[in-house]
Amino acid sequence: MLSDLDAALKNYLQNETILGQSVQVSLDPPTKDWSARRTGAVLNLFLADIREDVDRRDVNLREITNDEGVVVARQPANRFYLITYLLTAWTATPEDDHRLLGLALVAMLRQDYLPFEYVSGDLSVLVEAGFPLTTRVGLRAMSERTYSELMTAVGAEYRPPLSITVSMPVQTGSPEAAGPPQTKPPVVSVSDTRSDAAEKVQGPDPEDPDAGFRTRTRPANGGNAPVKP
């Protein structure tokens, strides 16, 4: 799924940064060797961090229905992960770097999610099911010290980064088959063992759910009380 997200974000930046003109976007770590090999203006999209979006965790099971709307299986809810990229611009001059990075910033702010037409593969199934790839642009992804250490670790020269964080849904667990559909009304019985009084409540008939509940009460003397609608 990460490769699907890489492709979606890369394609979006290639086509939307400068309208009517394709921009070169690279997913390679921005090492010195990479910088020496590059040709022309390039946006570098470096995957820097992955962590769960715990604010969106849902412990409820997700119901899976058939064409008739009957629940046939249940599955744990999707998890969401915050995928953070660091976007840097590489051109011939600092002025052109800033211009290209600014255009990418404007492109990412046009909407708060990656458009559906750029999403493909397994990720497109979740997007079509109602889980868009929401984006957050320009948040503080890490401290300046951490970023500097990261660039040193990959052997890259310093460039001002623009953070792009995408909340990506991930399917979890396996579907478990649901029980057979209910065919008889549910019945709940409550009794008093000391007085022998009892009450039986019958739920709605699955064939006629608008009929409501029915209650039958048995008095302590053993007689039968009428059914209450």
Foldseek 3Di string as FASTA:
>chain_A
DVVLVVQLVQVLLQDQLDDPGGAAEAADQQAPVVLVPDDAKYKYWYWDDKDWPVVPADQDWDFDADPVRHGWWTFGDWTKMKTKIWIFIDHDDPVVRVVSVVSSVVSPPPDQFRDLVSGDDPQSVVVVVPDTWGKDKQDCPDDPVVVVVVCVVRNHDDGDIIMMITIGIDGDDDIDTDDDDDQAWDKDKDADPVLRKIKIKTAAGPVGNVVGIKMWIQGSVRDTDDIDD
